[in-house]
Amino acid sequence: MSKLTPLQEKFCLEYVKTGFTGRAYINAGYKAKNKVIAEANGRRLLEKEYIKERIKEIIQGIQDKEIATAEEV
C-alpha cells in the first residue's frame, strides 16, 4: 500500500465524516479556487486505489467499534 501524505489522510477522514467530496477536499487543507474545482480534485483523489483502500479501512474500523463482541454482550 502506498503511504498517504498528511493531506491525503485528512481527506480520507473528512470524506468518511462528511460524505461530500468537495467539502472533504477543502476541510483536509487542499486549496481550490471554488467548490467545483474542489469537487473535481476530490473525485480525482477518490479514483486512486490507495485512497479507496484507506477509506475502507477507516469505515471498517468504525464498524468494528460499533459491533459488540459475544463477551461484551
N, C-alpha and C. Protein backbone atom coordinates (compact mmCIF):
# COMPACT_ATOMS: atom_id res chain seq x y z
N MET A 1 0.84 -1.19 0.00
CA MET A 1 0.00 0.00 0.00
C MET A 1 0.88 1.24 0.00
N SER A 2 0.49 2.20 -0.77
CA SER A 2 1.23 3.45 -0.85
C SER A 2 1.00 4.27 0.43
N LYS A 3 2.05 4.93 0.88
CA LYS A 3 1.93 5.76 2.06
C LYS A 3 1.22 7.06 1.69
N LEU A 4 0.21 7.39 2.44
CA LEU A 4 -0.54 8.61 2.19
C LEU A 4 0.18 9.82 2.75
N THR A 5 0.02 10.94 2.08
CA THR A 5 0.53 12.19 2.62
C THR A 5 -0.41 12.62 3.75
N PRO A 6 0.01 13.53 4.60
CA PRO A 6 -0.89 14.01 5.66
C PRO A 6 -2.20 14.59 5.10
N LEU A 7 -2.12 15.30 3.97
CA LEU A 7 -3.35 15.84 3.37
C LEU A 7 -4.26 14.74 2.86
N GLN A 8 -3.68 13.71 2.27
CA GLN A 8 -4.49 12.60 1.77
C GLN A 8 -5.17 11.87 2.93
N GLU A 9 -4.45 11.67 4.02
CA GLU A 9 -5.03 11.02 5.20
C GLU A 9 -6.18 11.85 5.74
N LYS A 10 -5.97 13.16 5.83
CA LYS A 10 -7.02 14.05 6.33
C LYS A 10 -8.21 14.03 5.38
N PHE A 11 -7.95 14.00 4.08
CA PHE A 11 -9.04 13.91 3.10
C PHE A 11 -9.88 12.66 3.35
N CYS A 12 -9.22 11.53 3.56
CA CYS A 12 -9.94 10.28 3.80
C CYS A 12 -10.82 10.39 5.05
N LEU A 13 -10.27 10.93 6.11
CA LEU A 13 -11.03 11.09 7.36
C LEU A 13 -12.21 12.03 7.16
N GLU A 14 -11.97 13.14 6.48
CA GLU A 14 -13.04 14.11 6.23
C GLU A 14 -14.11 13.53 5.31
N TYR A 15 -13.70 12.74 4.33
CA TYR A 15 -14.66 12.14 3.42
C TYR A 15 -15.58 11.17 4.15
N VAL A 16 -15.00 10.37 5.04
CA VAL A 16 -15.82 9.44 5.83
C VAL A 16 -16.76 10.22 6.74
N LYS A 17 -16.27 11.31 7.30
CA LYS A 17 -17.07 12.12 8.23
C LYS A 17 -18.20 12.85 7.52
N THR A 18 -17.91 13.48 6.38
CA THR A 18 -18.91 14.33 5.73
C THR A 18 -19.67 13.64 4.61
N GLY A 19 -18.99 12.76 3.87
CA GLY A 19 -19.60 12.12 2.72
C GLY A 19 -19.62 13.00 1.48
N PHE A 20 -19.03 14.18 1.58
CA PHE A 20 -19.01 15.12 0.46
C PHE A 20 -17.57 15.29 -0.03
N THR A 21 -17.36 15.02 -1.30
CA THR A 21 -16.01 15.05 -1.86
C THR A 21 -15.39 16.45 -1.80
N GLY A 22 -16.10 17.45 -2.28
CA GLY A 22 -15.57 18.81 -2.30
C GLY A 22 -15.30 19.35 -0.91
N ARG A 23 -16.24 19.13 -0.01
CA ARG A 23 -16.07 19.60 1.37
C ARG A 23 -14.89 18.90 2.04
N ALA A 24 -14.76 17.60 1.81
CA ALA A 24 -13.64 16.84 2.38
C ALA A 24 -12.31 17.37 1.84
N TYR A 25 -12.28 17.70 0.56
CA TYR A 25 -11.08 18.22 -0.08
C TYR A 25 -10.64 19.53 0.57
N ILE A 26 -11.59 20.43 0.76
CA ILE A 26 -11.29 21.73 1.37
C ILE A 26 -10.97 21.58 2.86
N ASN A 27 -11.77 20.79 3.58
CA ASN A 27 -11.54 20.60 5.02
C ASN A 27 -10.19 19.95 5.30
N ALA A 28 -9.71 19.16 4.36
CA ALA A 28 -8.41 18.50 4.54
C ALA A 28 -7.26 19.49 4.45
N GLY A 29 -7.52 20.64 3.84
CA GLY A 29 -6.47 21.65 3.73
C GLY A 29 -5.99 21.90 2.32
N TYR A 30 -6.58 21.20 1.36
CA TYR A 30 -6.24 21.47 -0.02
C TYR A 30 -6.81 22.83 -0.43
N LYS A 31 -6.16 23.48 -1.35
CA LYS A 31 -6.62 24.78 -1.86
C LYS A 31 -7.34 24.58 -3.19
N ALA A 32 -8.46 25.26 -3.33
CA ALA A 32 -9.20 25.23 -4.59
C ALA A 32 -9.84 26.60 -4.79
N LYS A 33 -9.88 27.06 -6.03
CA LYS A 33 -10.44 28.38 -6.32
C LYS A 33 -11.94 28.44 -6.06
N ASN A 34 -12.62 27.31 -6.24
CA ASN A 34 -14.06 27.28 -5.99
C ASN A 34 -14.50 25.85 -5.69
N LYS A 35 -15.77 25.71 -5.38
CA LYS A 35 -16.30 24.40 -4.98
C LYS A 35 -16.29 23.39 -6.12
N VAL A 36 -16.47 23.86 -7.34
CA VAL A 36 -16.48 22.96 -8.50
C VAL A 36 -15.09 22.33 -8.67
N ILE A 37 -14.07 23.13 -8.53
CA ILE A 37 -12.70 22.61 -8.65
C ILE A 37 -12.40 21.68 -7.48
N ALA A 38 -12.84 22.04 -6.28
CA ALA A 38 -12.63 21.17 -5.11
C ALA A 38 -13.30 19.82 -5.33
N GLU A 39 -14.50 19.83 -5.86
CA GLU A 39 -15.23 18.59 -6.14
C GLU A 39 -14.49 17.74 -7.17
N ALA A 40 -14.03 18.37 -8.24
CA ALA A 40 -13.31 17.65 -9.29
C ALA A 40 -12.00 17.06 -8.76
N ASN A 41 -11.26 17.85 -8.01
CA ASN A 41 -9.99 17.36 -7.46
C ASN A 41 -10.21 16.26 -6.42
N GLY A 42 -11.27 16.39 -5.63
CA GLY A 42 -11.61 15.35 -4.66
C GLY A 42 -11.97 14.05 -5.35
N ARG A 43 -12.70 14.15 -6.45
CA ARG A 43 -13.05 12.94 -7.22
C ARG A 43 -11.82 12.27 -7.78
N ARG A 44 -10.84 13.08 -8.21
CA ARG A 44 -9.59 12.51 -8.70
C ARG A 44 -8.88 11.73 -7.60
N LEU A 45 -8.92 12.27 -6.39
CA LEU A 45 -8.32 11.55 -5.26
C LEU A 45 -9.03 10.22 -5.04
N LEU A 46 -10.37 10.24 -5.13
CA LEU A 46 -11.14 9.02 -4.90
C LEU A 46 -10.90 7.95 -5.95
N GLU A 47 -10.34 8.32 -7.08
CA GLU A 47 -10.03 7.35 -8.13
C GLU A 47 -8.77 6.54 -7.80
N LYS A 48 -7.96 7.06 -6.90
CA LYS A 48 -6.70 6.37 -6.54
C LYS A 48 -7.01 5.18 -5.64
N GLU A 49 -6.46 4.04 -6.02
CA GLU A 49 -6.76 2.79 -5.31
C GLU A 49 -6.37 2.87 -3.83
N TYR A 50 -5.22 3.47 -3.53
CA TYR A 50 -4.78 3.53 -2.13
C TYR A 50 -5.65 4.46 -1.29
N ILE A 51 -6.27 5.44 -1.92
CA ILE A 51 -7.21 6.31 -1.20
C ILE A 51 -8.48 5.51 -0.89
N LYS A 52 -8.98 4.78 -1.88
CA LYS A 52 -10.17 3.94 -1.66
C LYS A 52 -9.93 2.93 -0.56
N GLU A 53 -8.74 2.31 -0.57
CA GLU A 53 -8.42 1.31 0.46
C GLU A 53 -8.38 1.94 1.85
N ARG A 54 -7.81 3.12 1.96
CA ARG A 54 -7.73 3.78 3.27
C ARG A 54 -9.12 4.14 3.78
N ILE A 55 -9.99 4.59 2.90
CA ILE A 55 -11.37 4.92 3.29
C ILE A 55 -12.08 3.66 3.77
N LYS A 56 -11.87 2.54 3.08
CA LYS A 56 -12.46 1.26 3.52
C LYS A 56 -11.95 0.88 4.90
N GLU A 57 -10.65 1.08 5.14
CA GLU A 57 -10.06 0.76 6.45
C GLU A 57 -10.70 1.61 7.55
N ILE A 58 -10.88 2.87 7.29
CA ILE A 58 -11.48 3.77 8.28
C ILE A 58 -12.91 3.33 8.59
N ILE A 59 -13.68 3.05 7.55
CA ILE A 59 -15.07 2.62 7.74
C ILE A 59 -15.12 1.30 8.50
N GLN A 60 -14.24 0.37 8.14
CA GLN A 60 -14.20 -0.93 8.83
C GLN A 60 -13.87 -0.74 10.30
N GLY A 61 -12.93 0.15 10.61
CA GLY A 61 -12.58 0.43 12.00
C GLY A 61 -13.76 0.97 12.79
N ILE A 62 -14.54 1.83 12.16
CA ILE A 62 -15.73 2.38 12.82
C ILE A 62 -16.75 1.27 13.05
N GLN A 63 -16.96 0.44 12.05
CA GLN A 63 -17.93 -0.65 12.17
C GLN A 63 -17.50 -1.64 13.24
N ASP A 64 -16.21 -1.94 13.31
CA ASP A 64 -15.71 -2.88 14.31
C ASP A 64 -15.96 -2.36 15.73
N LYS A 65 -15.84 -1.07 15.92
CA LYS A 65 -16.08 -0.47 17.23
C LYS A 65 -17.56 -0.52 17.62
N GLU A 66 -18.44 -0.47 16.60
CA GLU A 66 -19.88 -0.42 16.86
C GLU A 66 -20.50 -1.79 17.08
N ILE A 67 -19.82 -2.84 16.65
CA ILE A 67 -20.36 -4.20 16.78
C ILE A 67 -19.87 -4.80 18.08
N ALA A 68 -20.79 -5.18 18.91
CA ALA A 68 -20.44 -5.78 20.22
C ALA A 68 -19.96 -7.23 20.01
N THR A 69 -18.96 -7.60 20.75
CA THR A 69 -18.50 -8.98 20.70
C THR A 69 -19.35 -9.82 21.64
N ALA A 70 -19.24 -11.12 21.56
CA ALA A 70 -20.00 -12.02 22.42
C ALA A 70 -19.67 -11.76 23.89
N GLU A 71 -18.40 -11.49 24.19
CA GLU A 71 -18.01 -11.23 25.58
C GLU A 71 -18.64 -9.95 26.11
N GLU A 72 -18.76 -8.95 25.24
CA GLU A 72 -19.34 -7.67 25.67
C GLU A 72 -20.83 -7.80 25.97
N VAL A 73 -21.50 -8.66 25.19
CA VAL A 73 -22.94 -8.84 25.39
C VAL A 73 -23.16 -9.65 26.62
